[in-house]
Amino acid sequence: MTFLYTINKKGATAEGCITASDEAEAKAKLDAKFPKGSGVKVLGLEQVYVATIRNTRMSAFKGRPLAGACQGLPASEALKLVEFSPKKAAQIIKKTILSALANAKNNDSVADAAGLTVKLCVLDESVRMRRYWPTARGSAHPIARRMCHCKVILAAAKKAKKGAK
């Protein structure tokens, strides 16, 4: 299982992922990673479901607005959003969300996949294919064909407190 932890160090918060078989093992690993005197306080620990598609033949710059729009939505709403988008990134993000849902159902036996929200959806740059465009007088101009990685993290939906709007 994968757990997402939140830490506070000198007033700044950061997040990271850790892999463990259960929550007790994850807490033990965090205690070993951040000892008591290190000045790091672990604020939270929650189970998440991760899916990654690597080296997709698309520029990350073109898909980041759609990825940002998916963050914070329930998984079903995010799928509806990308299903009706004409962008190339929509198919890649849809495939990654469906993979994360399948990971939650098959690997961790989550019965209610509808209760999951998209905690994080990012498109990061990957390697570039280098090509050359021949030009006049025997010279050539370089061309970089960009690729990206798509990563989706699903987490259980937060319960709204009574009295909160």
N, C-alpha and C. Protein backbone atom coordinates (compact mmCIF):
# COMPACT_ATOMS: atom_id res chain seq x y z
N MET A 1 0.84 -1.17 0.00
CA MET A 1 0.00 0.00 0.00
C MET A 1 0.88 1.24 0.00
N THR A 2 0.34 2.31 -0.55
CA THR A 2 1.05 3.56 -0.59
C THR A 2 0.37 4.55 0.34
N PHE A 3 1.17 5.28 1.11
CA PHE A 3 0.65 6.26 2.05
C PHE A 3 1.24 7.62 1.71
N LEU A 4 0.42 8.65 1.81
CA LEU A 4 0.85 10.02 1.60
C LEU A 4 1.01 10.66 2.96
N TYR A 5 2.20 11.22 3.23
CA TYR A 5 2.42 11.85 4.52
C TYR A 5 2.65 13.34 4.33
N THR A 6 2.28 14.11 5.35
CA THR A 6 2.47 15.55 5.36
C THR A 6 3.35 15.88 6.55
N ILE A 7 4.41 16.67 6.30
CA ILE A 7 5.33 17.03 7.38
C ILE A 7 5.42 18.55 7.49
N ASN A 8 5.88 19.00 8.65
CA ASN A 8 6.11 20.41 8.90
C ASN A 8 7.53 20.55 9.41
N LYS A 9 8.33 21.35 8.70
CA LYS A 9 9.71 21.60 9.12
C LYS A 9 9.98 23.08 9.02
N LYS A 10 10.23 23.70 10.15
CA LYS A 10 10.53 25.12 10.23
C LYS A 10 9.43 25.97 9.60
N GLY A 11 8.19 25.62 9.85
CA GLY A 11 7.07 26.40 9.36
C GLY A 11 6.62 26.09 7.95
N ALA A 12 7.37 25.28 7.20
CA ALA A 12 7.00 24.92 5.83
C ALA A 12 6.45 23.50 5.81
N THR A 13 5.39 23.28 5.04
CA THR A 13 4.82 21.94 4.93
C THR A 13 5.24 21.32 3.62
N ALA A 14 5.36 20.00 3.63
CA ALA A 14 5.73 19.24 2.44
C ALA A 14 5.01 17.90 2.48
N GLU A 15 4.86 17.30 1.30
CA GLU A 15 4.20 16.00 1.19
C GLU A 15 5.14 15.02 0.51
N GLY A 16 4.92 13.74 0.79
CA GLY A 16 5.70 12.69 0.16
C GLY A 16 4.94 11.37 0.25
N CYS A 17 5.42 10.38 -0.49
CA CYS A 17 4.79 9.06 -0.49
C CYS A 17 5.73 8.04 0.14
N ILE A 18 5.15 7.06 0.82
CA ILE A 18 5.92 5.98 1.42
C ILE A 18 5.13 4.68 1.19
N THR A 19 5.84 3.60 0.94
CA THR A 19 5.21 2.31 0.68
C THR A 19 5.38 1.41 1.89
N ALA A 20 4.28 0.83 2.36
CA ALA A 20 4.31 -0.07 3.51
C ALA A 20 3.12 -1.02 3.41
N SER A 21 3.18 -2.10 4.18
CA SER A 21 2.09 -3.08 4.13
C SER A 21 0.86 -2.64 4.92
N ASP A 22 1.07 -1.84 5.98
CA ASP A 22 -0.06 -1.32 6.74
C ASP A 22 0.33 0.01 7.37
N GLU A 23 -0.62 0.63 8.05
CA GLU A 23 -0.38 1.97 8.61
C GLU A 23 0.65 1.96 9.73
N ALA A 24 0.69 0.90 10.52
CA ALA A 24 1.67 0.81 11.62
C ALA A 24 3.10 0.76 11.06
N GLU A 25 3.29 -0.01 9.99
CA GLU A 25 4.62 -0.08 9.37
C GLU A 25 4.99 1.26 8.75
N ALA A 26 4.02 1.97 8.17
CA ALA A 26 4.27 3.28 7.59
C ALA A 26 4.70 4.28 8.67
N LYS A 27 4.04 4.23 9.83
CA LYS A 27 4.41 5.12 10.93
C LYS A 27 5.81 4.79 11.44
N ALA A 28 6.15 3.50 11.49
CA ALA A 28 7.50 3.11 11.94
C ALA A 28 8.56 3.60 10.95
N LYS A 29 8.27 3.51 9.65
CA LYS A 29 9.22 4.00 8.65
C LYS A 29 9.39 5.51 8.74
N LEU A 30 8.29 6.23 8.99
CA LEU A 30 8.39 7.68 9.14
C LEU A 30 9.17 8.07 10.38
N ASP A 31 8.98 7.31 11.48
CA ASP A 31 9.75 7.58 12.70
C ASP A 31 11.24 7.36 12.47
N ALA A 32 11.58 6.35 11.66
CA ALA A 32 12.98 6.10 11.35
C ALA A 32 13.54 7.18 10.42
N LYS A 33 12.71 7.65 9.51
CA LYS A 33 13.15 8.66 8.53
C LYS A 33 13.29 10.03 9.17
N PHE A 34 12.36 10.38 10.07
CA PHE A 34 12.38 11.67 10.76
C PHE A 34 12.44 11.43 12.26
N PRO A 35 13.65 11.30 12.84
CA PRO A 35 13.78 11.06 14.29
C PRO A 35 13.23 12.22 15.12
N LYS A 36 13.04 11.98 16.41
CA LYS A 36 12.42 12.97 17.30
C LYS A 36 13.16 14.31 17.32
N GLY A 37 14.46 14.33 17.34
CA GLY A 37 15.22 15.57 17.46
C GLY A 37 15.49 16.28 16.14
N SER A 38 14.91 15.82 15.04
CA SER A 38 15.23 16.40 13.73
C SER A 38 14.47 17.69 13.43
N GLY A 39 13.50 18.03 14.24
CA GLY A 39 12.72 19.24 14.01
C GLY A 39 11.61 19.08 12.99
N VAL A 40 11.35 17.85 12.57
CA VAL A 40 10.30 17.57 11.60
C VAL A 40 9.12 16.95 12.33
N LYS A 41 7.93 17.50 12.09
CA LYS A 41 6.72 16.98 12.72
C LYS A 41 5.82 16.39 11.63
N VAL A 42 5.42 15.14 11.82
CA VAL A 42 4.53 14.49 10.87
C VAL A 42 3.10 14.92 11.19
N LEU A 43 2.46 15.60 10.23
CA LEU A 43 1.12 16.15 10.45
C LEU A 43 0.01 15.17 10.10
N GLY A 44 0.21 14.37 9.07
CA GLY A 44 -0.85 13.47 8.66
C GLY A 44 -0.33 12.30 7.86
N LEU A 45 -1.15 11.25 7.82
CA LEU A 45 -0.81 10.04 7.07
C LEU A 45 -2.11 9.47 6.53
N GLU A 46 -2.22 9.32 5.21
CA GLU A 46 -3.43 8.75 4.62
C GLU A 46 -3.07 7.81 3.48
N GLN A 47 -3.91 6.80 3.30
CA GLN A 47 -3.68 5.82 2.25
C GLN A 47 -4.12 6.39 0.92
N VAL A 48 -3.28 6.22 -0.10
CA VAL A 48 -3.58 6.73 -1.44
C VAL A 48 -3.37 5.63 -2.47
N TYR A 49 -3.88 5.87 -3.66
CA TYR A 49 -3.76 4.92 -4.77
C TYR A 49 -3.14 5.66 -5.94
N VAL A 50 -2.02 5.13 -6.46
CA VAL A 50 -1.20 5.85 -7.43
C VAL A 50 -1.20 5.11 -8.76
N ALA A 51 -1.23 5.88 -9.84
CA ALA A 51 -1.04 5.33 -11.18
C ALA A 51 -0.17 6.31 -11.96
N THR A 52 0.73 5.78 -12.77
CA THR A 52 1.64 6.60 -13.55
C THR A 52 1.72 6.07 -14.97
N ILE A 53 1.67 6.96 -15.93
CA ILE A 53 1.95 6.61 -17.32
C ILE A 53 3.20 7.39 -17.71
N ARG A 54 4.17 6.66 -18.20
CA ARG A 54 5.47 7.27 -18.46
C ARG A 54 5.74 7.40 -19.96
N ASN A 55 6.52 8.42 -20.29
CA ASN A 55 7.01 8.68 -21.65
C ASN A 55 5.89 8.73 -22.69
N THR A 56 4.90 9.55 -22.42
CA THR A 56 3.80 9.78 -23.35
C THR A 56 4.23 10.83 -24.36
N ARG A 57 3.94 10.61 -25.61
CA ARG A 57 4.40 11.49 -26.67
C ARG A 57 3.50 12.73 -26.77
N MET A 58 3.69 13.64 -25.79
CA MET A 58 2.95 14.90 -25.74
C MET A 58 3.72 15.87 -24.86
N SER A 59 3.62 17.14 -25.16
CA SER A 59 4.26 18.15 -24.33
C SER A 59 3.49 18.31 -23.02
N ALA A 60 4.18 18.35 -21.91
CA ALA A 60 3.54 18.51 -20.60
C ALA A 60 2.86 19.87 -20.49
N PHE A 61 3.40 20.86 -21.16
CA PHE A 61 2.87 22.22 -21.11
C PHE A 61 1.42 22.28 -21.62
N LYS A 62 1.11 21.46 -22.61
CA LYS A 62 -0.22 21.49 -23.23
C LYS A 62 -1.28 20.82 -22.35
N GLY A 63 -0.89 19.91 -21.48
CA GLY A 63 -1.87 19.19 -20.69
C GLY A 63 -2.01 19.67 -19.26
N ARG A 64 -1.13 20.54 -18.80
CA ARG A 64 -1.17 20.96 -17.39
C ARG A 64 -2.46 21.69 -17.00
N PRO A 65 -3.05 22.55 -17.84
CA PRO A 65 -4.32 23.18 -17.42
C PRO A 65 -5.43 22.16 -17.16
N LEU A 66 -5.54 21.15 -17.98
CA LEU A 66 -6.56 20.12 -17.78
C LEU A 66 -6.25 19.28 -16.54
N ALA A 67 -4.99 18.98 -16.30
CA ALA A 67 -4.60 18.23 -15.11
C ALA A 67 -4.92 19.02 -13.85
N GLY A 68 -4.68 20.31 -13.87
CA GLY A 68 -5.00 21.16 -12.73
C GLY A 68 -6.50 21.24 -12.46
N ALA A 69 -7.30 21.19 -13.55
CA ALA A 69 -8.75 21.24 -13.38
C ALA A 69 -9.29 19.96 -12.75
N CYS A 70 -8.58 18.84 -12.91
CA CYS A 70 -9.03 17.56 -12.35
C CYS A 70 -8.75 17.42 -10.87
N GLN A 71 -7.76 18.16 -10.37
CA GLN A 71 -7.37 18.02 -8.97
C GLN A 71 -8.50 18.47 -8.04
N GLY A 72 -8.74 17.68 -7.00
CA GLY A 72 -9.75 18.00 -6.01
C GLY A 72 -11.14 17.50 -6.35
N LEU A 73 -11.35 17.04 -7.58
CA LEU A 73 -12.65 16.53 -7.97
C LEU A 73 -12.80 15.06 -7.58
N PRO A 74 -14.03 14.60 -7.36
CA PRO A 74 -14.22 13.15 -7.22
C PRO A 74 -13.81 12.45 -8.51
N ALA A 75 -13.39 11.21 -8.41
CA ALA A 75 -12.87 10.49 -9.57
C ALA A 75 -13.90 10.42 -10.70
N SER A 76 -15.17 10.23 -10.35
CA SER A 76 -16.21 10.15 -11.39
C SER A 76 -16.39 11.48 -12.11
N GLU A 77 -16.31 12.59 -11.36
CA GLU A 77 -16.42 13.92 -11.98
C GLU A 77 -15.22 14.22 -12.86
N ALA A 78 -14.03 13.82 -12.41
CA ALA A 78 -12.83 14.04 -13.21
C ALA A 78 -12.89 13.26 -14.51
N LEU A 79 -13.43 12.04 -14.46
CA LEU A 79 -13.60 11.25 -15.69
C LEU A 79 -14.57 11.92 -16.65
N LYS A 80 -15.66 12.49 -16.13
CA LYS A 80 -16.60 13.20 -16.99
C LYS A 80 -15.94 14.43 -17.62
N LEU A 81 -15.13 15.12 -16.84
CA LEU A 81 -14.45 16.32 -17.34
C LEU A 81 -13.52 15.99 -18.50
N VAL A 82 -12.72 14.94 -18.35
CA VAL A 82 -11.75 14.62 -19.41
C VAL A 82 -12.40 13.90 -20.58
N GLU A 83 -13.53 13.24 -20.35
CA GLU A 83 -14.18 12.51 -21.43
C GLU A 83 -14.69 13.45 -22.52
N PHE A 84 -15.14 14.64 -22.14
CA PHE A 84 -15.69 15.57 -23.11
C PHE A 84 -14.73 16.68 -23.50
N SER A 85 -13.47 16.55 -23.15
CA SER A 85 -12.46 17.52 -23.54
C SER A 85 -11.84 17.12 -24.87
N PRO A 86 -11.65 18.07 -25.80
CA PRO A 86 -11.08 17.73 -27.10
C PRO A 86 -9.56 17.60 -27.09
N LYS A 87 -8.92 17.90 -25.97
CA LYS A 87 -7.45 17.90 -25.93
C LYS A 87 -6.88 16.48 -25.93
N LYS A 88 -5.66 16.37 -26.44
CA LYS A 88 -4.96 15.08 -26.47
C LYS A 88 -4.67 14.61 -25.05
N ALA A 89 -4.40 15.55 -24.16
CA ALA A 89 -4.09 15.20 -22.76
C ALA A 89 -5.26 14.53 -22.07
N ALA A 90 -6.48 14.77 -22.54
CA ALA A 90 -7.66 14.21 -21.91
C ALA A 90 -7.63 12.69 -21.95
N GLN A 91 -7.23 12.12 -23.07
CA GLN A 91 -7.17 10.66 -23.19
C GLN A 91 -6.10 10.08 -22.27
N ILE A 92 -4.99 10.76 -22.15
CA ILE A 92 -3.89 10.29 -21.29
C ILE A 92 -4.31 10.35 -19.82
N ILE A 93 -4.93 11.46 -19.41
CA ILE A 93 -5.36 11.61 -18.02
C ILE A 93 -6.48 10.61 -17.70
N LYS A 94 -7.40 10.41 -18.65
CA LYS A 94 -8.49 9.45 -18.44
C LYS A 94 -7.92 8.04 -18.22
N LYS A 95 -6.96 7.67 -19.04
CA LYS A 95 -6.34 6.35 -18.92
C LYS A 95 -5.66 6.18 -17.56
N THR A 96 -5.01 7.24 -17.09
CA THR A 96 -4.30 7.18 -15.81
C THR A 96 -5.28 7.11 -14.64
N ILE A 97 -6.38 7.87 -14.70
CA ILE A 97 -7.38 7.82 -13.63
C ILE A 97 -8.02 6.44 -13.57
N LEU A 98 -8.35 5.87 -14.73
CA LEU A 98 -8.93 4.52 -14.75
C LEU A 98 -7.95 3.49 -14.20
N SER A 99 -6.66 3.68 -14.48
CA SER A 99 -5.64 2.77 -13.94
C SER A 99 -5.55 2.89 -12.42
N ALA A 100 -5.62 4.12 -11.90
CA ALA A 100 -5.57 4.31 -10.45
C ALA A 100 -6.80 3.70 -9.77
N LEU A 101 -7.97 3.83 -10.41
CA LEU A 101 -9.18 3.20 -9.87
C LEU A 101 -9.05 1.68 -9.87
N ALA A 102 -8.47 1.12 -10.93
CA ALA A 102 -8.26 -0.32 -10.99
C ALA A 102 -7.26 -0.77 -9.94
N ASN A 103 -6.22 0.04 -9.69
CA ASN A 103 -5.26 -0.27 -8.63
C ASN A 103 -5.95 -0.30 -7.27
N ALA A 104 -6.85 0.65 -7.05
CA ALA A 104 -7.56 0.70 -5.77
C ALA A 104 -8.46 -0.53 -5.59
N LYS A 105 -9.13 -0.94 -6.66
CA LYS A 105 -10.04 -2.08 -6.55
C LYS A 105 -9.29 -3.41 -6.45
N ASN A 106 -8.29 -3.61 -7.29
CA ASN A 106 -7.62 -4.90 -7.37
C ASN A 106 -6.52 -5.09 -6.34
N ASN A 107 -5.67 -4.11 -6.17
CA ASN A 107 -4.51 -4.27 -5.28
C ASN A 107 -4.89 -4.09 -3.81
N ASP A 108 -5.80 -3.18 -3.52
CA ASP A 108 -6.10 -2.87 -2.13
C ASP A 108 -7.55 -3.16 -1.74
N SER A 109 -8.30 -3.82 -2.61
CA SER A 109 -9.67 -4.27 -2.33
C SER A 109 -10.58 -3.16 -1.84
N VAL A 110 -10.58 -2.03 -2.52
CA VAL A 110 -11.47 -0.93 -2.17
C VAL A 110 -12.83 -1.23 -2.78
N ALA A 111 -13.85 -1.32 -1.93
CA ALA A 111 -15.18 -1.65 -2.42
C ALA A 111 -15.86 -0.43 -3.04
N ASP A 112 -15.65 0.75 -2.44
CA ASP A 112 -16.32 1.95 -2.90
C ASP A 112 -15.33 2.86 -3.62
N ALA A 113 -15.12 2.62 -4.90
CA ALA A 113 -14.20 3.46 -5.67
C ALA A 113 -14.83 4.81 -5.98
N ALA A 114 -16.15 4.93 -5.86
CA ALA A 114 -16.82 6.21 -6.12
C ALA A 114 -16.50 7.23 -5.04
N GLY A 115 -16.06 6.78 -3.89
CA GLY A 115 -15.74 7.69 -2.80
C GLY A 115 -14.32 8.24 -2.86
N LEU A 116 -13.61 8.00 -3.94
CA LEU A 116 -12.23 8.48 -4.07
C LEU A 116 -12.19 9.82 -4.81
N THR A 117 -11.27 10.68 -4.39
CA THR A 117 -11.08 11.96 -5.06
C THR A 117 -9.68 12.03 -5.65
N VAL A 118 -9.51 12.88 -6.63
CA VAL A 118 -8.20 13.07 -7.27
C VAL A 118 -7.41 14.03 -6.38
N LYS A 119 -6.48 13.47 -5.62
CA LYS A 119 -5.66 14.27 -4.72
C LYS A 119 -4.61 15.05 -5.51
N LEU A 120 -4.02 14.39 -6.50
CA LEU A 120 -2.96 15.02 -7.29
C LEU A 120 -3.03 14.49 -8.72
N CYS A 121 -2.93 15.38 -9.68
CA CYS A 121 -2.88 15.02 -11.10
C CYS A 121 -1.85 15.93 -11.74
N VAL A 122 -0.72 15.38 -12.12
CA VAL A 122 0.36 16.20 -12.67
C VAL A 122 0.89 15.61 -13.97
N LEU A 123 1.37 16.49 -14.81
CA LEU A 123 2.09 16.11 -16.02
C LEU A 123 3.49 16.69 -15.90
N ASP A 124 4.48 15.82 -15.79
CA ASP A 124 5.87 16.24 -15.65
C ASP A 124 6.63 15.97 -16.93
N GLU A 125 7.65 16.77 -17.19
CA GLU A 125 8.45 16.57 -18.39
C GLU A 125 9.26 15.29 -18.29
N SER A 126 9.47 14.69 -19.43
CA SER A 126 10.26 13.47 -19.54
C SER A 126 11.44 13.75 -20.47
N VAL A 127 11.98 12.72 -21.05
CA VAL A 127 13.08 12.89 -21.98
C VAL A 127 12.58 13.54 -23.26
N ARG A 128 13.50 13.99 -24.08
CA ARG A 128 13.14 14.58 -25.37
C ARG A 128 13.81 13.79 -26.48
N MET A 129 13.03 13.55 -27.53
CA MET A 129 13.62 12.94 -28.72
C MET A 129 14.29 14.06 -29.51
N ARG A 130 15.54 13.88 -29.83
CA ARG A 130 16.27 14.91 -30.59
C ARG A 130 16.19 14.58 -32.07
N ARG A 131 15.73 15.55 -32.83
CA ARG A 131 15.66 15.41 -34.28
C ARG A 131 16.30 16.64 -34.91
N TYR A 132 16.60 16.56 -36.20
CA TYR A 132 17.20 17.68 -36.90
C TYR A 132 16.44 17.95 -38.18
N TRP A 133 16.23 19.24 -38.47
CA TRP A 133 15.55 19.68 -39.67
C TRP A 133 16.60 20.21 -40.63
N PRO A 134 16.77 19.56 -41.79
CA PRO A 134 17.81 20.03 -42.71
C PRO A 134 17.47 21.40 -43.29
N THR A 135 18.46 22.26 -43.36
CA THR A 135 18.27 23.60 -43.91
C THR A 135 19.30 23.87 -44.99
N ALA A 136 19.35 25.07 -45.45
CA ALA A 136 20.21 25.44 -46.58
C ALA A 136 21.69 25.29 -46.25
N ARG A 137 22.47 25.04 -47.28
CA ARG A 137 23.94 25.01 -47.24
C ARG A 137 24.47 23.92 -46.31
N GLY A 138 23.76 22.82 -46.20
CA GLY A 138 24.27 21.68 -45.44
C GLY A 138 24.15 21.78 -43.94
N SER A 139 23.45 22.78 -43.45
CA SER A 139 23.30 22.90 -42.00
C SER A 139 21.96 22.29 -41.57
N ALA A 140 21.74 22.25 -40.27
CA ALA A 140 20.51 21.65 -39.74
C ALA A 140 20.11 22.38 -38.46
N HIS A 141 18.80 22.47 -38.25
CA HIS A 141 18.27 23.06 -37.02
C HIS A 141 17.76 21.95 -36.11
N PRO A 142 18.07 22.02 -34.82
CA PRO A 142 17.59 20.97 -33.91
C PRO A 142 16.10 21.11 -33.60
N ILE A 143 15.45 19.97 -33.41
CA ILE A 143 14.05 19.90 -33.01
C ILE A 143 13.97 18.99 -31.79
N ALA A 144 13.25 19.43 -30.78
CA ALA A 144 13.06 18.61 -29.58
C ALA A 144 11.62 18.13 -29.56
N ARG A 145 11.40 16.84 -29.69
CA ARG A 145 10.07 16.27 -29.59
C ARG A 145 9.86 15.89 -28.12
N ARG A 146 8.98 16.61 -27.46
CA ARG A 146 8.82 16.48 -26.02
C ARG A 146 7.93 15.30 -25.64
N MET A 147 8.22 14.74 -24.47
CA MET A 147 7.40 13.68 -23.89
C MET A 147 7.13 14.03 -22.43
N CYS A 148 6.15 13.35 -21.83
CA CYS A 148 5.81 13.66 -20.44
C CYS A 148 5.38 12.40 -19.69
N HIS A 149 5.38 12.53 -18.36
CA HIS A 149 4.85 11.49 -17.47
C HIS A 149 3.56 12.03 -16.87
N CYS A 150 2.55 11.20 -16.77
CA CYS A 150 1.28 11.57 -16.14
C CYS A 150 1.13 10.76 -14.86
N LYS A 151 0.92 11.46 -13.74
CA LYS A 151 0.79 10.79 -12.44
C LYS A 151 -0.51 11.24 -11.77
N VAL A 152 -1.29 10.27 -11.32
CA VAL A 152 -2.55 10.55 -10.63
C VAL A 152 -2.52 9.85 -9.28
N ILE A 153 -2.88 10.59 -8.23
CA ILE A 153 -2.99 10.04 -6.88
C ILE A 153 -4.43 10.21 -6.42
N LEU A 154 -5.07 9.10 -6.08
CA LEU A 154 -6.44 9.11 -5.57
C LEU A 154 -6.41 8.88 -4.06
N ALA A 155 -7.26 9.59 -3.34
CA ALA A 155 -7.37 9.44 -1.89
C ALA A 155 -8.84 9.38 -1.53
N ALA A 156 -9.12 8.89 -0.33
CA ALA A 156 -10.50 8.84 0.15
C ALA A 156 -11.02 10.25 0.33
N ALA A 157 -12.29 10.45 0.02
CA ALA A 157 -12.90 11.78 0.13
C ALA A 157 -12.97 12.20 1.58
N LYS A 158 -12.70 13.44 1.86
CA LYS A 158 -12.78 13.98 3.21
C LYS A 158 -14.25 14.17 3.59
N LYS A 159 -14.60 13.76 4.77
CA LYS A 159 -15.96 13.96 5.27
C LYS A 159 -16.12 15.41 5.70
N ALA A 160 -17.18 16.05 5.28
CA ALA A 160 -17.45 17.43 5.68
C ALA A 160 -17.96 17.45 7.11
N LYS A 161 -17.46 18.38 7.91
CA LYS A 161 -17.89 18.50 9.29
C LYS A 161 -19.28 19.13 9.34
N LYS A 162 -20.07 18.73 10.34
CA LYS A 162 -21.41 19.30 10.47
C LYS A 162 -21.28 20.77 10.87
N GLY A 163 -22.10 21.58 10.27
CA GLY A 163 -22.07 23.02 10.56
C GLY A 163 -21.15 23.78 9.61
N ALA A 164 -20.26 23.08 8.90
CA ALA A 164 -19.38 23.74 7.94
C ALA A 164 -20.08 23.86 6.61
N LYS A 165 -19.80 24.95 5.91
CA LYS A 165 -20.45 25.16 4.61
C LYS A 165 -19.55 24.78 3.50
